[in-house]
Amino acid sequence: MFLARALVQRAPLVVLDESLAALDPGTPQIAIARIERRAEAALVIAHP
């Protein structure tokens, strides 16, 4: 829900901490493309 709200409101900064890990295969690429178009800056935290 947070991700959707951030994209609709055109948040200046979006911080994602493992938020894409639970998505279906292929969906993270779509989400990242939309974040790149809508947010001014994004910080993506991924744990190995």
N, C-alpha and C. Protein backbone atom coordinates (compact mmCIF):
# COMPACT_ATOMS: atom_id res chain seq x y z
N MET A 1 0.82 -1.19 0.00
CA MET A 1 0.00 0.00 0.00
C MET A 1 0.87 1.26 0.00
N PHE A 2 1.94 1.23 0.76
CA PHE A 2 2.82 2.39 0.81
C PHE A 2 3.40 2.71 -0.56
N LEU A 3 3.81 1.69 -1.27
CA LEU A 3 4.41 1.89 -2.58
C LEU A 3 3.42 2.53 -3.53
N ALA A 4 2.20 2.05 -3.55
CA ALA A 4 1.17 2.63 -4.41
C ALA A 4 0.92 4.09 -4.06
N ARG A 5 0.82 4.40 -2.78
CA ARG A 5 0.57 5.78 -2.35
C ARG A 5 1.73 6.68 -2.75
N ALA A 6 2.96 6.20 -2.59
CA ALA A 6 4.13 7.00 -2.95
C ALA A 6 4.16 7.31 -4.43
N LEU A 7 3.76 6.35 -5.27
CA LEU A 7 3.77 6.57 -6.71
C LEU A 7 2.63 7.49 -7.15
N VAL A 8 1.48 7.35 -6.55
CA VAL A 8 0.34 8.21 -6.92
C VAL A 8 0.61 9.65 -6.52
N GLN A 9 1.21 9.85 -5.36
CA GLN A 9 1.47 11.20 -4.87
C GLN A 9 2.77 11.79 -5.41
N ARG A 10 3.48 11.04 -6.25
CA ARG A 10 4.77 11.50 -6.80
C ARG A 10 5.73 11.93 -5.69
N ALA A 11 6.01 11.01 -4.81
CA ALA A 11 6.90 11.28 -3.68
C ALA A 11 8.28 11.69 -4.19
N PRO A 12 8.91 12.68 -3.56
CA PRO A 12 10.24 13.10 -3.99
C PRO A 12 11.31 12.05 -3.69
N LEU A 13 11.08 11.22 -2.68
CA LEU A 13 12.02 10.17 -2.32
C LEU A 13 11.24 8.92 -1.94
N VAL A 14 11.62 7.79 -2.53
CA VAL A 14 11.00 6.51 -2.20
C VAL A 14 12.11 5.61 -1.67
N VAL A 15 11.92 5.09 -0.45
CA VAL A 15 12.88 4.17 0.16
C VAL A 15 12.24 2.79 0.20
N LEU A 16 12.88 1.83 -0.44
CA LEU A 16 12.35 0.47 -0.50
C LEU A 16 13.32 -0.46 0.21
N ASP A 17 12.88 -1.08 1.28
CA ASP A 17 13.70 -2.02 2.04
C ASP A 17 13.09 -3.40 1.88
N GLU A 18 13.60 -4.17 0.92
CA GLU A 18 13.11 -5.52 0.64
C GLU A 18 11.63 -5.54 0.26
N SER A 19 11.09 -4.44 -0.18
CA SER A 19 9.66 -4.38 -0.48
C SER A 19 9.30 -5.07 -1.79
N LEU A 20 10.27 -5.33 -2.65
CA LEU A 20 9.98 -5.99 -3.91
C LEU A 20 10.20 -7.50 -3.84
N ALA A 21 10.72 -8.00 -2.73
CA ALA A 21 11.07 -9.41 -2.61
C ALA A 21 9.85 -10.33 -2.66
N ALA A 22 8.70 -9.87 -2.22
CA ALA A 22 7.51 -10.73 -2.14
C ALA A 22 6.67 -10.70 -3.41
N LEU A 23 7.09 -9.96 -4.42
CA LEU A 23 6.31 -9.86 -5.65
C LEU A 23 6.54 -11.07 -6.54
N ASP A 24 5.59 -11.30 -7.43
CA ASP A 24 5.70 -12.39 -8.40
C ASP A 24 6.88 -12.13 -9.34
N PRO A 25 7.46 -13.20 -9.91
CA PRO A 25 8.56 -13.01 -10.87
C PRO A 25 8.14 -12.10 -12.02
N GLY A 26 9.00 -11.18 -12.38
CA GLY A 26 8.71 -10.25 -13.46
C GLY A 26 8.10 -8.95 -12.98
N THR A 27 7.38 -8.99 -11.87
CA THR A 27 6.72 -7.80 -11.35
C THR A 27 7.70 -6.77 -10.81
N PRO A 28 8.80 -7.16 -10.15
CA PRO A 28 9.75 -6.15 -9.67
C PRO A 28 10.28 -5.24 -10.78
N GLN A 29 10.52 -5.80 -11.97
CA GLN A 29 11.01 -4.97 -13.09
C GLN A 29 9.98 -3.93 -13.48
N ILE A 30 8.71 -4.30 -13.47
CA ILE A 30 7.64 -3.36 -13.79
C ILE A 30 7.57 -2.27 -12.72
N ALA A 31 7.64 -2.68 -11.46
CA ALA A 31 7.58 -1.72 -10.36
C ALA A 31 8.75 -0.76 -10.42
N ILE A 32 9.94 -1.26 -10.67
CA ILE A 32 11.13 -0.39 -10.74
C ILE A 32 11.01 0.60 -11.89
N ALA A 33 10.51 0.16 -13.03
CA ALA A 33 10.33 1.07 -14.16
C ALA A 33 9.37 2.20 -13.82
N ARG A 34 8.30 1.87 -13.12
CA ARG A 34 7.33 2.91 -12.73
C ARG A 34 7.90 3.84 -11.67
N ILE A 35 8.67 3.28 -10.75
CA ILE A 35 9.31 4.13 -9.74
C ILE A 35 10.27 5.10 -10.42
N GLU A 36 11.03 4.64 -11.39
CA GLU A 36 11.98 5.51 -12.09
C GLU A 36 11.27 6.65 -12.80
N ARG A 37 10.06 6.41 -13.31
CA ARG A 37 9.31 7.45 -14.01
C ARG A 37 8.64 8.42 -13.06
N ARG A 38 8.22 7.96 -11.88
CA ARG A 38 7.39 8.78 -11.00
C ARG A 38 8.14 9.45 -9.86
N ALA A 39 9.16 8.82 -9.31
CA ALA A 39 9.86 9.36 -8.15
C ALA A 39 11.08 10.15 -8.61
N GLU A 40 11.40 11.19 -7.86
CA GLU A 40 12.60 11.97 -8.17
C GLU A 40 13.85 11.21 -7.78
N ALA A 41 13.77 10.45 -6.68
CA ALA A 41 14.90 9.66 -6.21
C ALA A 41 14.38 8.41 -5.52
N ALA A 42 15.13 7.34 -5.63
CA ALA A 42 14.75 6.09 -4.99
C ALA A 42 15.98 5.44 -4.38
N LEU A 43 15.80 4.91 -3.18
CA LEU A 43 16.84 4.17 -2.50
C LEU A 43 16.30 2.76 -2.31
N VAL A 44 16.94 1.79 -2.95
CA VAL A 44 16.50 0.41 -2.87
C VAL A 44 17.50 -0.37 -2.03
N ILE A 45 17.02 -0.98 -0.96
CA ILE A 45 17.86 -1.77 -0.07
C ILE A 45 17.52 -3.24 -0.30
N ALA A 46 18.51 -4.02 -0.71
CA ALA A 46 18.31 -5.45 -0.96
C ALA A 46 19.35 -6.23 -0.15
N HIS A 47 18.91 -7.24 0.54
CA HIS A 47 19.80 -8.06 1.33
C HIS A 47 20.15 -9.32 0.55
N PRO A 48 21.42 -9.74 0.60
CA PRO A 48 21.83 -10.94 -0.15
C PRO A 48 21.22 -12.20 0.42
